[in-house]
């Protein structure tokens, strides 16, 4: 059970890591191309977006910064992504391979992914990881063989965190499946938090999981 006293700390090693949020003062528009604009909040990470109000751009950049604060390496990962219209997840993670599970802006996805893979990994050696840019827990159970995943939520507090933990475990009983999900880590750039979850089989094993996480 999640510790109900868990609170965010500015410590990448902590269970709940929080980084400073992105503000209008740090938001800079870099280039314009065919109606699309590139943005940065630190002079290093550049994200391409459609022409949008600055208020919307700010929210995307907060999500991007939260992604960049996730400490795991994705260089051996086949990333399965839901809800990422522009490709900001692979822009932050730089995975080996990307599989978008829904439609999006293909031009900006290609601009943002920046995949420069100069090494080869056999398919059977790749690590599968899922990133859902929403917090619909039921979707984890609808997809086959999800062992490692990130869910995006907003305005997370300890009460909501406890509810998430209960649902990740309790839904297995409601759906009559032989596994559940447990929360491993939280990464926040206010108001957004990525919840890292890991599948656990009812017998307590994690068989079949080639995970980016420590067991």
N, C-alpha and C. Protein backbone atom coordinates (compact mmCIF):
# COMPACT_ATOMS: atom_id res chain seq x y z
N UNK A 1 0.84 -1.21 0.00
CA UNK A 1 0.00 0.00 0.00
C UNK A 1 0.87 1.25 0.00
N UNK A 2 0.49 2.24 -0.79
CA UNK A 2 1.23 3.49 -0.86
C UNK A 2 1.18 4.20 0.49
N UNK A 3 2.31 4.76 0.88
CA UNK A 3 2.38 5.54 2.11
C UNK A 3 1.54 6.80 1.96
N UNK A 4 0.50 6.95 2.78
CA UNK A 4 -0.40 8.11 2.65
C UNK A 4 0.30 9.41 3.03
N UNK A 5 1.48 9.31 3.62
CA UNK A 5 2.23 10.51 3.98
C UNK A 5 3.23 10.91 2.89
N UNK A 6 3.20 10.22 1.75
CA UNK A 6 4.11 10.55 0.66
C UNK A 6 3.90 11.97 0.19
N UNK A 7 4.99 12.70 0.00
CA UNK A 7 4.93 14.08 -0.49
C UNK A 7 6.05 14.29 -1.50
N UNK A 8 5.88 15.23 -2.42
CA UNK A 8 6.93 15.47 -3.42
C UNK A 8 8.21 16.01 -2.79
N UNK A 9 9.35 15.58 -3.35
CA UNK A 9 10.66 16.08 -2.92
C UNK A 9 11.47 16.41 -4.15
N UNK A 10 12.31 17.40 -4.05
CA UNK A 10 13.20 17.75 -5.17
C UNK A 10 14.43 16.86 -5.09
N UNK A 11 14.20 15.58 -5.38
CA UNK A 11 15.24 14.57 -5.27
C UNK A 11 14.92 13.46 -6.26
N UNK A 12 15.76 13.29 -7.28
CA UNK A 12 15.48 12.32 -8.33
C UNK A 12 15.48 10.89 -7.81
N UNK A 13 16.09 10.64 -6.65
CA UNK A 13 16.14 9.30 -6.09
C UNK A 13 14.93 8.98 -5.22
N UNK A 14 14.12 9.98 -4.91
CA UNK A 14 12.99 9.77 -4.02
C UNK A 14 11.83 9.09 -4.74
N UNK A 15 10.91 8.52 -3.96
CA UNK A 15 9.72 7.89 -4.53
C UNK A 15 8.90 8.90 -5.34
N UNK A 16 8.79 10.13 -4.82
CA UNK A 16 8.02 11.18 -5.49
C UNK A 16 8.95 12.36 -5.75
N UNK A 17 9.45 12.44 -6.96
CA UNK A 17 10.38 13.50 -7.35
C UNK A 17 9.62 14.65 -8.01
N UNK A 18 9.94 15.87 -7.60
CA UNK A 18 9.32 17.06 -8.22
C UNK A 18 10.39 17.99 -8.74
N UNK A 19 10.20 18.48 -9.96
CA UNK A 19 11.09 19.48 -10.54
C UNK A 19 10.35 20.80 -10.64
N UNK A 20 11.11 21.89 -10.70
CA UNK A 20 10.49 23.21 -10.82
C UNK A 20 9.66 23.28 -12.10
N UNK A 21 8.51 23.93 -12.01
CA UNK A 21 7.63 24.01 -13.16
C UNK A 21 8.16 24.99 -14.19
N UNK A 22 7.59 24.94 -15.39
CA UNK A 22 7.94 25.88 -16.46
C UNK A 22 7.05 27.11 -16.33
N UNK A 23 7.63 28.28 -16.50
CA UNK A 23 6.88 29.54 -16.39
C UNK A 23 6.94 30.31 -17.71
N UNK A 24 6.08 31.30 -17.83
CA UNK A 24 6.10 32.14 -19.03
C UNK A 24 7.46 32.81 -19.19
N UNK A 25 8.12 33.15 -18.09
CA UNK A 25 9.40 33.85 -18.15
C UNK A 25 10.49 33.02 -18.82
N UNK A 26 10.37 31.69 -18.74
CA UNK A 26 11.41 30.82 -19.30
C UNK A 26 11.03 30.26 -20.67
N UNK A 27 9.84 30.54 -21.13
CA UNK A 27 9.34 30.00 -22.39
C UNK A 27 9.83 30.87 -23.56
N UNK A 28 10.50 30.24 -24.54
CA UNK A 28 11.07 30.98 -25.66
C UNK A 28 10.67 30.31 -26.97
N UNK A 29 10.18 31.10 -27.91
CA UNK A 29 9.88 30.61 -29.25
C UNK A 29 11.15 30.71 -30.09
N UNK A 30 11.54 29.60 -30.74
CA UNK A 30 12.81 29.56 -31.47
C UNK A 30 12.64 29.81 -32.97
N UNK A 31 11.96 28.88 -33.67
CA UNK A 31 11.86 28.95 -35.12
C UNK A 31 10.41 28.78 -35.55
N UNK A 32 10.12 29.30 -36.76
CA UNK A 32 8.79 29.13 -37.36
C UNK A 32 8.99 28.49 -38.73
N UNK A 33 8.14 27.48 -39.02
CA UNK A 33 8.25 26.79 -40.30
C UNK A 33 6.88 26.29 -40.72
N UNK A 34 6.36 26.85 -41.78
CA UNK A 34 5.07 26.44 -42.34
C UNK A 34 3.96 26.44 -41.29
N UNK A 35 3.95 27.48 -40.48
CA UNK A 35 2.91 27.63 -39.47
C UNK A 35 3.17 26.89 -38.18
N UNK A 36 4.24 26.09 -38.13
CA UNK A 36 4.61 25.39 -36.91
C UNK A 36 5.72 26.15 -36.18
N UNK A 37 5.78 26.00 -34.88
CA UNK A 37 6.76 26.74 -34.08
C UNK A 37 7.53 25.80 -33.16
N UNK A 38 8.81 26.10 -32.98
CA UNK A 38 9.59 25.35 -32.01
C UNK A 38 9.75 26.19 -30.75
N UNK A 39 9.75 25.48 -29.61
CA UNK A 39 9.80 26.15 -28.31
C UNK A 39 10.85 25.50 -27.41
N UNK A 40 11.37 26.28 -26.48
CA UNK A 40 12.26 25.75 -25.47
C UNK A 40 11.97 26.45 -24.14
N UNK A 41 12.29 25.78 -23.04
CA UNK A 41 12.14 26.39 -21.71
C UNK A 41 13.48 26.44 -20.98
N UNK A 42 14.52 25.86 -21.62
CA UNK A 42 15.83 25.84 -20.98
C UNK A 42 16.97 26.09 -21.96
N UNK A 43 16.64 26.41 -23.22
CA UNK A 43 17.67 26.67 -24.22
C UNK A 43 18.30 25.42 -24.79
N UNK A 44 17.86 24.25 -24.32
CA UNK A 44 18.45 22.98 -24.77
C UNK A 44 17.40 22.08 -25.40
N UNK A 45 16.32 21.81 -24.70
CA UNK A 45 15.26 20.94 -25.23
C UNK A 45 14.34 21.75 -26.13
N UNK A 46 14.23 21.32 -27.39
CA UNK A 46 13.41 22.02 -28.37
C UNK A 46 12.25 21.13 -28.79
N UNK A 47 11.04 21.68 -28.72
CA UNK A 47 9.82 20.93 -29.05
C UNK A 47 9.04 21.70 -30.11
N UNK A 48 8.65 21.01 -31.17
CA UNK A 48 7.85 21.62 -32.23
C UNK A 48 6.36 21.41 -31.96
N UNK A 49 5.58 22.49 -32.11
CA UNK A 49 4.14 22.43 -31.90
C UNK A 49 3.44 23.21 -33.01
N UNK A 50 2.16 22.91 -33.21
CA UNK A 50 1.35 23.72 -34.11
C UNK A 50 1.20 25.12 -33.51
N UNK A 51 0.84 26.08 -34.36
CA UNK A 51 0.60 27.42 -33.85
C UNK A 51 -0.53 27.36 -32.82
N UNK A 52 -0.24 27.78 -31.60
CA UNK A 52 -1.18 27.64 -30.48
C UNK A 52 -1.03 28.81 -29.54
N UNK A 53 -2.05 29.08 -28.73
CA UNK A 53 -1.91 30.11 -27.69
C UNK A 53 -0.75 29.75 -26.76
N UNK A 54 -0.07 30.76 -26.27
CA UNK A 54 1.07 30.52 -25.39
C UNK A 54 0.67 29.73 -24.15
N UNK A 55 -0.56 29.92 -23.69
CA UNK A 55 -1.03 29.20 -22.51
C UNK A 55 -1.03 27.69 -22.75
N UNK A 56 -1.40 27.26 -23.98
CA UNK A 56 -1.39 25.84 -24.31
C UNK A 56 0.03 25.32 -24.46
N UNK A 57 0.89 26.12 -25.09
CA UNK A 57 2.29 25.74 -25.25
C UNK A 57 2.92 25.50 -23.87
N UNK A 58 2.62 26.36 -22.93
CA UNK A 58 3.17 26.25 -21.59
C UNK A 58 2.83 24.90 -20.96
N UNK A 59 1.59 24.44 -21.15
CA UNK A 59 1.18 23.16 -20.58
C UNK A 59 1.94 22.00 -21.22
N UNK A 60 2.12 22.04 -22.54
CA UNK A 60 2.88 20.99 -23.21
C UNK A 60 4.32 20.94 -22.70
N UNK A 61 4.90 22.10 -22.46
CA UNK A 61 6.28 22.14 -22.02
C UNK A 61 6.44 21.65 -20.57
N UNK A 62 5.43 21.84 -19.76
CA UNK A 62 5.46 21.29 -18.41
C UNK A 62 5.46 19.77 -18.47
N UNK A 63 4.62 19.22 -19.35
CA UNK A 63 4.58 17.77 -19.52
C UNK A 63 5.93 17.26 -20.03
N UNK A 64 6.51 17.97 -20.97
CA UNK A 64 7.81 17.58 -21.51
C UNK A 64 8.88 17.60 -20.43
N UNK A 65 8.88 18.61 -19.59
CA UNK A 65 9.89 18.69 -18.53
C UNK A 65 9.74 17.55 -17.53
N UNK A 66 8.49 17.19 -17.23
CA UNK A 66 8.26 16.04 -16.34
C UNK A 66 8.81 14.77 -16.98
N UNK A 67 8.61 14.58 -18.27
CA UNK A 67 9.15 13.42 -18.97
C UNK A 67 10.68 13.39 -18.89
N UNK A 68 11.29 14.54 -19.11
CA UNK A 68 12.76 14.62 -19.09
C UNK A 68 13.32 14.32 -17.70
N UNK A 69 12.52 14.51 -16.67
CA UNK A 69 12.98 14.28 -15.29
C UNK A 69 12.90 12.80 -14.90
N UNK A 70 12.25 11.98 -15.72
CA UNK A 70 12.19 10.54 -15.44
C UNK A 70 13.58 9.96 -15.67
N UNK A 71 14.16 9.29 -14.68
CA UNK A 71 15.59 8.94 -14.74
C UNK A 71 15.96 7.72 -15.56
N UNK A 72 15.02 6.87 -15.94
CA UNK A 72 15.35 5.63 -16.63
C UNK A 72 15.91 5.89 -18.04
N UNK A 73 16.75 4.96 -18.50
CA UNK A 73 17.25 5.00 -19.87
C UNK A 73 16.29 4.22 -20.77
N UNK A 74 16.04 4.75 -21.95
CA UNK A 74 15.13 4.10 -22.90
C UNK A 74 15.85 3.71 -24.19
N UNK A 75 17.16 3.60 -24.13
CA UNK A 75 17.95 3.32 -25.32
C UNK A 75 17.76 1.90 -25.86
N UNK A 76 17.20 1.02 -25.02
CA UNK A 76 16.91 -0.36 -25.48
C UNK A 76 15.40 -0.60 -25.54
N UNK A 77 14.63 0.48 -25.58
CA UNK A 77 13.19 0.37 -25.40
C UNK A 77 12.41 0.50 -26.70
N UNK A 78 11.39 -0.35 -26.83
CA UNK A 78 10.35 -0.18 -27.84
C UNK A 78 9.20 0.49 -27.14
N UNK A 79 8.97 1.75 -27.46
CA UNK A 79 8.01 2.58 -26.74
C UNK A 79 6.65 2.55 -27.43
N UNK A 80 5.60 2.21 -26.69
CA UNK A 80 4.23 2.22 -27.19
C UNK A 80 3.51 3.41 -26.55
N UNK A 81 2.98 4.32 -27.38
CA UNK A 81 2.51 5.60 -26.86
C UNK A 81 1.05 5.85 -27.24
N UNK A 82 0.28 6.35 -26.27
CA UNK A 82 -1.11 6.72 -26.49
C UNK A 82 -1.30 8.19 -26.11
N UNK A 83 -1.92 8.95 -27.00
CA UNK A 83 -2.30 10.32 -26.68
C UNK A 83 -1.27 11.39 -26.96
N UNK A 84 -0.19 11.02 -27.63
CA UNK A 84 0.89 11.98 -27.90
C UNK A 84 0.75 12.46 -29.34
N UNK A 85 0.02 13.53 -29.55
CA UNK A 85 -0.29 14.02 -30.89
C UNK A 85 0.94 14.55 -31.61
N UNK A 86 1.91 15.12 -30.86
CA UNK A 86 3.06 15.79 -31.47
C UNK A 86 4.37 15.02 -31.37
N UNK A 87 4.42 13.96 -30.58
CA UNK A 87 5.67 13.22 -30.44
C UNK A 87 6.60 13.77 -29.38
N UNK A 88 6.03 14.37 -28.33
CA UNK A 88 6.89 14.94 -27.28
C UNK A 88 7.49 13.85 -26.37
N UNK A 89 6.84 12.68 -26.30
CA UNK A 89 7.38 11.61 -25.45
C UNK A 89 8.71 11.09 -26.01
N UNK A 90 8.78 10.66 -27.28
CA UNK A 90 10.08 10.22 -27.80
C UNK A 90 11.11 11.35 -27.86
N UNK A 91 10.66 12.60 -28.00
CA UNK A 91 11.58 13.73 -27.95
C UNK A 91 12.31 13.76 -26.61
N UNK A 92 11.60 13.46 -25.54
CA UNK A 92 12.19 13.48 -24.20
C UNK A 92 12.96 12.20 -23.88
N UNK A 93 12.44 11.04 -24.31
CA UNK A 93 12.99 9.75 -23.91
C UNK A 93 14.11 9.25 -24.84
N UNK A 94 14.06 9.60 -26.12
CA UNK A 94 15.02 9.11 -27.12
C UNK A 94 15.10 7.57 -27.11
N UNK A 95 13.99 6.88 -27.34
CA UNK A 95 13.98 5.42 -27.31
C UNK A 95 14.60 4.83 -28.57
N UNK A 96 14.77 3.52 -28.56
CA UNK A 96 15.30 2.82 -29.74
C UNK A 96 14.25 2.75 -30.84
N UNK A 97 13.00 2.52 -30.45
CA UNK A 97 11.93 2.33 -31.42
C UNK A 97 10.63 2.89 -30.86
N UNK A 98 9.76 3.40 -31.74
CA UNK A 98 8.51 4.03 -31.30
C UNK A 98 7.33 3.41 -32.03
N UNK A 99 6.26 3.17 -31.29
CA UNK A 99 5.01 2.68 -31.86
C UNK A 99 3.87 3.54 -31.32
N UNK A 100 3.36 4.45 -32.15
CA UNK A 100 2.22 5.28 -31.73
C UNK A 100 0.95 4.45 -31.90
N UNK A 101 0.14 4.40 -30.87
CA UNK A 101 -1.07 3.58 -30.89
C UNK A 101 -2.31 4.36 -31.30
N UNK A 102 -2.14 5.63 -31.64
CA UNK A 102 -3.26 6.43 -32.17
C UNK A 102 -2.71 7.46 -33.15
N UNK A 103 -3.61 8.16 -33.83
CA UNK A 103 -3.21 9.10 -34.87
C UNK A 103 -2.67 10.39 -34.27
N UNK A 104 -1.90 11.10 -35.10
CA UNK A 104 -1.36 12.39 -34.66
C UNK A 104 -0.82 13.18 -35.84
N UNK A 105 -0.11 14.24 -35.55
CA UNK A 105 0.50 15.08 -36.56
C UNK A 105 1.84 14.45 -36.96
N UNK A 106 1.85 13.75 -38.07
CA UNK A 106 3.03 12.98 -38.46
C UNK A 106 4.22 13.87 -38.77
N UNK A 107 3.97 15.05 -39.32
CA UNK A 107 5.07 15.96 -39.64
C UNK A 107 5.78 16.40 -38.36
N UNK A 108 5.02 16.80 -37.35
CA UNK A 108 5.64 17.26 -36.11
C UNK A 108 6.18 16.11 -35.29
N UNK A 109 5.58 14.95 -35.40
CA UNK A 109 6.15 13.78 -34.72
C UNK A 109 7.56 13.49 -35.24
N UNK A 110 7.74 13.56 -36.55
CA UNK A 110 9.06 13.31 -37.12
C UNK A 110 10.05 14.39 -36.71
N UNK A 111 9.59 15.63 -36.65
CA UNK A 111 10.47 16.71 -36.22
C UNK A 111 10.91 16.54 -34.76
N UNK A 112 9.98 16.08 -33.94
CA UNK A 112 10.25 16.00 -32.51
C UNK A 112 11.02 14.76 -32.09
N UNK A 113 10.88 13.66 -32.83
CA UNK A 113 11.46 12.41 -32.36
C UNK A 113 12.98 12.42 -32.36
N UNK A 114 13.59 13.02 -33.39
CA UNK A 114 15.04 13.18 -33.42
C UNK A 114 15.77 11.87 -33.16
N UNK A 115 15.25 10.77 -33.69
CA UNK A 115 15.87 9.47 -33.43
C UNK A 115 17.10 9.30 -34.32
N UNK A 116 18.26 9.21 -33.69
CA UNK A 116 19.50 9.00 -34.41
C UNK A 116 20.15 7.72 -33.88
N UNK A 117 19.52 6.61 -34.19
CA UNK A 117 20.00 5.33 -33.68
C UNK A 117 21.15 4.82 -34.54
N UNK A 118 22.33 4.68 -33.97
CA UNK A 118 23.49 4.19 -34.71
C UNK A 118 23.98 2.86 -34.16
N UNK A 119 23.04 2.11 -33.58
CA UNK A 119 23.35 0.79 -33.05
C UNK A 119 22.17 -0.12 -33.34
N UNK A 120 22.38 -1.42 -33.25
CA UNK A 120 21.34 -2.38 -33.59
C UNK A 120 21.07 -3.31 -32.41
N UNK A 121 19.78 -3.50 -32.13
CA UNK A 121 19.35 -4.42 -31.06
C UNK A 121 18.36 -5.41 -31.68
N UNK A 122 18.53 -6.68 -31.37
CA UNK A 122 17.59 -7.68 -31.86
C UNK A 122 16.21 -7.45 -31.26
N UNK A 123 15.19 -7.73 -32.05
CA UNK A 123 13.81 -7.50 -31.61
C UNK A 123 13.52 -8.17 -30.28
N UNK A 124 14.00 -9.41 -30.11
CA UNK A 124 13.70 -10.15 -28.89
C UNK A 124 14.41 -9.58 -27.66
N UNK A 125 15.37 -8.70 -27.88
CA UNK A 125 16.09 -8.11 -26.76
C UNK A 125 15.54 -6.76 -26.35
N UNK A 126 14.57 -6.24 -27.09
CA UNK A 126 14.01 -4.93 -26.79
C UNK A 126 13.10 -4.97 -25.56
N UNK A 127 13.08 -3.88 -24.82
CA UNK A 127 12.22 -3.72 -23.66
C UNK A 127 10.97 -2.98 -24.11
N UNK A 128 9.80 -3.51 -23.79
CA UNK A 128 8.54 -2.85 -24.14
C UNK A 128 8.08 -1.98 -22.97
N UNK A 129 7.78 -0.73 -23.28
CA UNK A 129 7.27 0.19 -22.27
C UNK A 129 6.13 1.00 -22.87
N UNK A 130 5.10 1.26 -22.08
CA UNK A 130 3.92 1.99 -22.53
C UNK A 130 3.85 3.34 -21.83
N UNK A 131 3.50 4.38 -22.60
CA UNK A 131 3.28 5.71 -22.03
C UNK A 131 1.89 6.17 -22.46
N UNK A 132 1.03 6.43 -21.48
CA UNK A 132 -0.33 6.89 -21.74
C UNK A 132 -0.45 8.32 -21.23
N UNK A 133 -0.74 9.26 -22.13
CA UNK A 133 -0.87 10.65 -21.71
C UNK A 133 -2.27 10.92 -21.19
N UNK A 134 -2.72 10.03 -20.32
CA UNK A 134 -3.97 10.18 -19.57
C UNK A 134 -3.89 9.24 -18.37
N UNK A 135 -4.91 9.25 -17.52
CA UNK A 135 -4.86 8.42 -16.31
C UNK A 135 -6.00 7.41 -16.26
N UNK A 136 -6.38 6.88 -17.43
CA UNK A 136 -7.44 5.89 -17.50
C UNK A 136 -6.86 4.51 -17.20
N UNK A 137 -6.94 4.11 -15.95
CA UNK A 137 -6.33 2.86 -15.51
C UNK A 137 -6.87 1.66 -16.27
N UNK A 138 -8.16 1.69 -16.63
CA UNK A 138 -8.75 0.55 -17.32
C UNK A 138 -8.04 0.24 -18.64
N UNK A 139 -7.41 1.23 -19.26
CA UNK A 139 -6.73 1.00 -20.53
C UNK A 139 -5.53 0.08 -20.37
N UNK A 140 -4.90 0.10 -19.18
CA UNK A 140 -3.78 -0.80 -18.94
C UNK A 140 -4.22 -2.25 -19.05
N UNK A 141 -5.44 -2.53 -18.58
CA UNK A 141 -5.95 -3.89 -18.58
C UNK A 141 -6.52 -4.29 -19.95
N UNK A 142 -6.84 -3.31 -20.78
CA UNK A 142 -7.39 -3.60 -22.10
C UNK A 142 -6.30 -3.99 -23.10
N UNK A 143 -5.06 -3.55 -22.84
CA UNK A 143 -3.95 -3.87 -23.75
C UNK A 143 -3.26 -5.14 -23.28
N UNK A 144 -2.74 -5.91 -24.23
CA UNK A 144 -2.11 -7.18 -23.90
C UNK A 144 -0.66 -7.00 -23.43
N UNK A 145 -0.30 -7.76 -22.41
CA UNK A 145 1.10 -7.88 -22.00
C UNK A 145 1.77 -6.56 -21.63
N UNK A 146 1.07 -5.70 -20.93
CA UNK A 146 1.67 -4.47 -20.43
C UNK A 146 2.32 -4.79 -19.08
N UNK A 147 3.63 -4.67 -19.02
CA UNK A 147 4.35 -4.90 -17.76
C UNK A 147 4.90 -3.60 -17.18
N UNK A 148 5.31 -2.69 -18.05
CA UNK A 148 5.88 -1.42 -17.62
C UNK A 148 5.13 -0.28 -18.28
N UNK A 149 4.72 0.73 -17.49
CA UNK A 149 3.93 1.81 -18.08
C UNK A 149 4.02 3.08 -17.26
N UNK A 150 3.72 4.18 -17.93
CA UNK A 150 3.59 5.48 -17.28
C UNK A 150 2.20 6.03 -17.59
N UNK A 151 1.56 6.57 -16.59
CA UNK A 151 0.28 7.25 -16.75
C UNK A 151 0.46 8.72 -16.39
N UNK A 152 -0.18 9.60 -17.15
CA UNK A 152 -0.12 11.02 -16.86
C UNK A 152 -1.38 11.46 -16.14
N UNK A 153 -1.22 12.16 -15.02
CA UNK A 153 -2.36 12.71 -14.31
C UNK A 153 -2.07 14.15 -13.92
N UNK A 154 -3.08 14.83 -13.41
CA UNK A 154 -2.96 16.25 -13.10
C UNK A 154 -3.43 16.50 -11.67
N UNK A 155 -2.74 17.41 -10.99
CA UNK A 155 -3.11 17.84 -9.63
C UNK A 155 -3.16 16.65 -8.67
N UNK A 156 -2.14 15.83 -8.70
CA UNK A 156 -2.09 14.66 -7.83
C UNK A 156 -1.81 15.07 -6.39
N UNK A 157 -2.56 14.49 -5.44
CA UNK A 157 -2.29 14.66 -4.02
C UNK A 157 -2.28 13.28 -3.38
N UNK A 158 -2.00 13.22 -2.07
CA UNK A 158 -1.86 11.92 -1.41
C UNK A 158 -3.17 11.14 -1.40
N UNK A 159 -4.29 11.83 -1.28
CA UNK A 159 -5.58 11.13 -1.29
C UNK A 159 -5.83 10.49 -2.65
N UNK A 160 -5.59 11.25 -3.73
CA UNK A 160 -5.78 10.71 -5.08
C UNK A 160 -4.79 9.59 -5.36
N UNK A 161 -3.59 9.74 -4.85
CA UNK A 161 -2.57 8.70 -5.03
C UNK A 161 -3.02 7.39 -4.39
N UNK A 162 -3.58 7.47 -3.18
CA UNK A 162 -4.09 6.27 -2.51
C UNK A 162 -5.21 5.63 -3.31
N UNK A 163 -6.07 6.46 -3.91
CA UNK A 163 -7.15 5.95 -4.75
C UNK A 163 -6.60 5.23 -5.98
N UNK A 164 -5.58 5.81 -6.62
CA UNK A 164 -4.95 5.17 -7.77
C UNK A 164 -4.40 3.81 -7.38
N UNK A 165 -3.72 3.76 -6.27
CA UNK A 165 -3.12 2.51 -5.81
C UNK A 165 -4.20 1.44 -5.59
N UNK A 166 -5.29 1.84 -4.99
CA UNK A 166 -6.40 0.91 -4.73
C UNK A 166 -6.99 0.40 -6.04
N UNK A 167 -7.18 1.30 -7.01
CA UNK A 167 -7.78 0.90 -8.29
C UNK A 167 -6.85 0.01 -9.09
N UNK A 168 -5.55 0.28 -9.07
CA UNK A 168 -4.60 -0.52 -9.82
C UNK A 168 -4.59 -1.97 -9.32
N UNK A 169 -4.86 -2.15 -8.04
CA UNK A 169 -4.90 -3.50 -7.48
C UNK A 169 -6.31 -4.09 -7.54
N UNK A 170 -7.31 -3.27 -7.20
CA UNK A 170 -8.68 -3.78 -7.11
C UNK A 170 -9.32 -4.10 -8.43
N UNK A 171 -8.87 -3.44 -9.50
CA UNK A 171 -9.49 -3.68 -10.80
C UNK A 171 -9.21 -5.10 -11.30
N UNK A 172 -8.12 -5.70 -10.84
CA UNK A 172 -7.81 -7.07 -11.26
C UNK A 172 -8.89 -8.03 -10.79
N UNK A 173 -9.45 -7.78 -9.60
CA UNK A 173 -10.52 -8.63 -9.09
C UNK A 173 -11.80 -8.40 -9.88
N UNK A 174 -12.10 -7.13 -10.16
CA UNK A 174 -13.32 -6.79 -10.90
C UNK A 174 -13.30 -7.37 -12.31
N UNK A 175 -12.11 -7.41 -12.92
CA UNK A 175 -11.99 -7.90 -14.30
C UNK A 175 -11.61 -9.38 -14.35
N UNK A 176 -11.37 -9.97 -13.19
CA UNK A 176 -11.03 -11.40 -13.09
C UNK A 176 -9.79 -11.73 -13.93
N UNK A 177 -8.72 -10.98 -13.68
CA UNK A 177 -7.43 -11.28 -14.31
C UNK A 177 -6.44 -11.69 -13.22
N UNK A 178 -5.37 -12.35 -13.63
CA UNK A 178 -4.43 -12.91 -12.66
C UNK A 178 -3.21 -12.01 -12.41
N UNK A 179 -3.39 -10.71 -12.53
CA UNK A 179 -2.31 -9.77 -12.25
C UNK A 179 -2.90 -8.44 -11.80
N UNK A 180 -2.03 -7.59 -11.27
CA UNK A 180 -2.42 -6.23 -10.90
C UNK A 180 -1.22 -5.32 -11.17
N UNK A 181 -1.38 -4.01 -10.95
CA UNK A 181 -0.28 -3.07 -11.14
C UNK A 181 0.05 -2.38 -9.82
N UNK A 182 1.33 -2.14 -9.63
CA UNK A 182 1.78 -1.45 -8.43
C UNK A 182 2.54 -0.18 -8.82
N UNK A 183 2.45 0.85 -8.01
CA UNK A 183 3.11 2.13 -8.30
C UNK A 183 4.55 2.07 -7.83
N UNK A 184 5.48 2.42 -8.74
CA UNK A 184 6.91 2.36 -8.43
C UNK A 184 7.52 3.74 -8.17
N UNK A 185 7.04 4.76 -8.90
CA UNK A 185 7.65 6.08 -8.77
C UNK A 185 6.73 7.15 -9.34
N UNK A 186 6.87 8.37 -8.83
CA UNK A 186 6.12 9.52 -9.31
C UNK A 186 7.11 10.62 -9.71
N UNK A 187 6.81 11.28 -10.84
CA UNK A 187 7.63 12.40 -11.29
C UNK A 187 6.71 13.56 -11.63
N UNK A 188 6.92 14.69 -10.97
CA UNK A 188 6.00 15.83 -11.08
C UNK A 188 6.69 17.08 -11.60
N UNK A 189 6.01 17.73 -12.53
CA UNK A 189 6.30 19.12 -12.89
C UNK A 189 4.93 19.79 -12.85
N UNK A 190 4.65 20.47 -11.76
CA UNK A 190 3.29 20.93 -11.49
C UNK A 190 2.68 21.65 -12.67
N UNK A 191 1.39 21.32 -12.93
CA UNK A 191 0.49 20.47 -12.16
C UNK A 191 0.46 19.00 -12.59
N UNK A 192 1.44 18.58 -13.42
CA UNK A 192 1.38 17.24 -14.03
C UNK A 192 2.29 16.25 -13.32
N UNK A 193 1.82 15.00 -13.25
CA UNK A 193 2.61 13.92 -12.65
C UNK A 193 2.54 12.68 -13.52
N UNK A 194 3.70 12.07 -13.74
CA UNK A 194 3.75 10.77 -14.38
C UNK A 194 3.85 9.70 -13.31
N UNK A 195 2.91 8.75 -13.36
CA UNK A 195 2.86 7.64 -12.42
C UNK A 195 3.47 6.42 -13.11
N UNK A 196 4.57 5.94 -12.59
CA UNK A 196 5.23 4.77 -13.15
C UNK A 196 4.68 3.52 -12.47
N UNK A 197 4.17 2.59 -13.26
CA UNK A 197 3.57 1.38 -12.71
C UNK A 197 4.24 0.14 -13.29
N UNK A 198 4.16 -0.93 -12.53
CA UNK A 198 4.73 -2.21 -12.94
C UNK A 198 3.70 -3.31 -12.69
N UNK A 199 3.57 -4.19 -13.64
CA UNK A 199 2.64 -5.31 -13.50
C UNK A 199 3.24 -6.39 -12.58
N UNK A 200 2.39 -6.93 -11.73
CA UNK A 200 2.77 -8.04 -10.85
C UNK A 200 1.73 -9.14 -11.01
N UNK A 201 2.18 -10.35 -11.33
CA UNK A 201 1.25 -11.48 -11.42
C UNK A 201 0.78 -11.86 -10.03
N UNK A 202 -0.40 -12.43 -9.95
CA UNK A 202 -1.00 -12.77 -8.66
C UNK A 202 -0.09 -13.66 -7.83
N UNK A 203 0.71 -14.50 -8.49
CA UNK A 203 1.62 -15.37 -7.75
C UNK A 203 2.86 -14.62 -7.25
N UNK A 204 2.89 -13.30 -7.53
CA UNK A 204 3.98 -12.48 -7.04
C UNK A 204 5.15 -12.34 -7.99
N UNK A 205 5.11 -13.01 -9.12
CA UNK A 205 6.22 -12.98 -10.05
C UNK A 205 6.06 -11.84 -11.05
N UNK A 206 7.14 -11.56 -11.75
CA UNK A 206 7.10 -10.57 -12.83
C UNK A 206 7.60 -11.23 -14.12
N UNK A 207 7.30 -12.50 -14.27
CA UNK A 207 7.77 -13.25 -15.43
C UNK A 207 7.28 -12.60 -16.72
N UNK A 208 8.13 -12.68 -17.73
CA UNK A 208 7.78 -12.09 -19.03
C UNK A 208 8.10 -10.62 -19.10
N UNK A 209 8.61 -10.05 -18.03
CA UNK A 209 8.89 -8.62 -18.02
C UNK A 209 10.38 -8.36 -18.28
N UNK A 210 10.68 -7.74 -19.42
CA UNK A 210 12.02 -7.23 -19.67
C UNK A 210 11.94 -5.74 -19.36
N UNK A 211 12.22 -5.39 -18.13
CA UNK A 211 11.80 -4.09 -17.63
C UNK A 211 12.92 -3.07 -17.56
N UNK A 212 12.57 -1.80 -17.72
CA UNK A 212 13.52 -0.74 -17.46
C UNK A 212 13.64 -0.47 -15.97
N UNK A 213 12.80 -1.11 -15.17
CA UNK A 213 12.77 -0.87 -13.73
C UNK A 213 13.52 -1.95 -12.99
N UNK A 214 14.04 -1.60 -11.85
CA UNK A 214 14.59 -2.60 -10.94
C UNK A 214 13.42 -3.34 -10.29
N UNK A 215 13.55 -4.65 -10.14
CA UNK A 215 12.50 -5.45 -9.52
C UNK A 215 12.51 -5.22 -8.02
